[in-house]
């Protein structure tokens, strides 16, 4: 399920916040905390970081758009989880008879 990239509250009441530029293109992989987009406030440039690792799947607010805190800027398709072994929810492997746990 895609994860929204949301403009946080930057503490600038009534200031116009504008998307300056996207630092990542849709389809590119990102890690948690990677810089995704620059936004401009009067006299200040701020970065919005990736809230999750995955692939930037969509940009809802392109460069030049005015945005408000809480608005969705774009979407990240999260990294897929490793496939769990059938019948096991924890993804672990079974020990065969006679094997010892080496953990």
Protein backbone atom coordinates (compact mmCIF):
# COMPACT_ATOMS: atom_id res chain seq x y z
CA UNK A 1 0.00 0.00 0.00
CA UNK A 2 1.54 3.37 -0.98
CA UNK A 3 2.77 5.67 1.78
CA UNK A 4 2.05 9.41 1.49
CA UNK A 5 4.82 12.00 1.57
CA UNK A 6 3.20 14.73 3.67
CA UNK A 7 4.35 18.32 4.12
CA UNK A 8 5.06 18.68 7.85
CA UNK A 9 4.17 21.74 9.89
CA UNK A 10 7.22 23.96 9.43
CA UNK A 11 6.16 26.43 12.10
CA UNK A 12 5.59 29.34 9.73
CA UNK A 13 2.02 30.45 10.33
CA UNK A 14 0.29 31.97 7.32
CA UNK A 15 3.50 31.76 5.24
CA UNK A 16 3.20 30.69 1.64
CA UNK A 17 5.02 27.38 1.15
CA UNK A 18 5.95 26.54 -2.41
CA UNK A 19 7.43 23.34 -3.84
CA UNK A 20 10.84 24.35 -5.20
CA UNK A 21 11.98 21.11 -6.82
CA UNK A 22 11.85 17.36 -6.52
CA UNK A 23 15.25 15.80 -5.83
CA UNK A 24 14.03 12.32 -6.82
CA UNK A 25 12.10 11.36 -9.95
CA UNK A 26 9.14 8.97 -9.95
CA UNK A 27 10.42 5.42 -10.35
CA UNK A 28 13.62 6.05 -8.37
CA UNK A 29 14.39 4.10 -5.20
CA UNK A 30 14.63 5.93 -1.87
CA UNK A 31 15.62 5.04 1.68
CA UNK A 32 14.02 6.33 4.87
CA UNK A 33 15.29 9.85 5.50
CA UNK A 34 16.47 10.53 1.94
CA UNK A 35 15.84 14.09 0.76
CA UNK A 36 12.88 13.99 -1.63
CA UNK A 37 11.69 17.52 -2.23
CA UNK A 38 12.71 21.10 -1.46
CA UNK A 39 10.07 23.56 -0.31
CA UNK A 40 10.44 27.32 -0.01
CA UNK A 41 9.21 29.60 2.72
CA UNK A 42 10.00 33.31 2.77
CA UNK A 43 13.79 33.36 3.17
CA UNK A 44 14.10 29.64 3.99
CA UNK A 45 14.58 26.45 1.98
CA UNK A 46 13.59 23.18 3.69
CA UNK A 47 13.87 19.56 2.64
CA UNK A 48 11.13 16.97 3.08
CA UNK A 49 12.52 13.50 3.77
CA UNK A 50 11.24 10.09 2.72
CA UNK A 51 9.00 8.63 5.44
CA UNK A 52 9.73 5.10 4.21
CA UNK A 53 12.03 3.17 1.92
CA UNK A 54 10.78 2.10 -1.47
CA UNK A 55 10.16 3.72 -4.83
CA UNK A 56 8.76 7.19 -5.39
CA UNK A 57 5.63 6.23 -7.30
CA UNK A 58 3.89 9.58 -7.82
CA UNK A 59 4.30 13.33 -7.42
CA UNK A 60 1.04 15.10 -6.51
CA UNK A 61 2.51 18.59 -6.10
CA UNK A 62 5.02 19.51 -8.83
CA UNK A 63 7.52 22.38 -8.62
CA UNK A 64 5.83 25.76 -8.34
CA UNK A 65 2.74 24.58 -6.45
CA UNK A 66 1.67 26.29 -3.24
CA UNK A 67 1.12 23.77 -0.45
CA UNK A 68 -0.04 23.74 3.15
CA UNK A 69 1.07 21.61 6.10
CA UNK A 70 -0.60 18.22 6.01
CA UNK A 71 -0.97 18.14 2.22
CA UNK A 72 0.23 15.08 0.33
CA UNK A 73 3.21 15.94 -1.86
CA UNK A 74 3.72 12.49 -3.38
CA UNK A 75 3.62 8.75 -2.78
CA UNK A 76 6.15 6.01 -2.01
CA UNK A 77 5.53 2.37 -2.88
CA UNK A 78 7.24 0.64 0.06
CA UNK A 79 9.86 -2.07 -0.26
CA UNK A 80 8.19 -5.47 -0.39
CA UNK A 81 8.53 -7.76 2.57
CA UNK A 82 10.44 -11.01 2.09
CA UNK A 83 8.16 -13.91 1.27
CA UNK A 84 7.37 -15.98 4.31
CA UNK A 85 7.60 -19.75 4.14
CA UNK A 86 4.16 -21.20 3.35
CA UNK A 87 2.31 -21.91 6.57
CA UNK A 88 4.61 -19.68 8.64
CA UNK A 89 3.78 -16.11 9.51
CA UNK A 90 7.23 -15.21 10.83
CA UNK A 91 9.12 -15.98 7.62
CA UNK A 92 11.48 -18.28 9.51
CA UNK A 93 12.74 -21.62 8.34
CA UNK A 94 12.03 -25.01 9.84
CA UNK A 95 14.74 -27.12 11.43
CA UNK A 96 14.97 -30.67 10.19
CA UNK A 97 15.05 -33.53 12.68
CA UNK A 98 18.47 -33.73 14.30
CA UNK A 99 19.51 -30.14 13.45
CA UNK A 100 20.59 -27.85 16.24
CA UNK A 101 19.72 -24.20 16.54
CA UNK A 102 23.01 -22.30 16.16
CA UNK A 103 21.68 -18.94 17.30
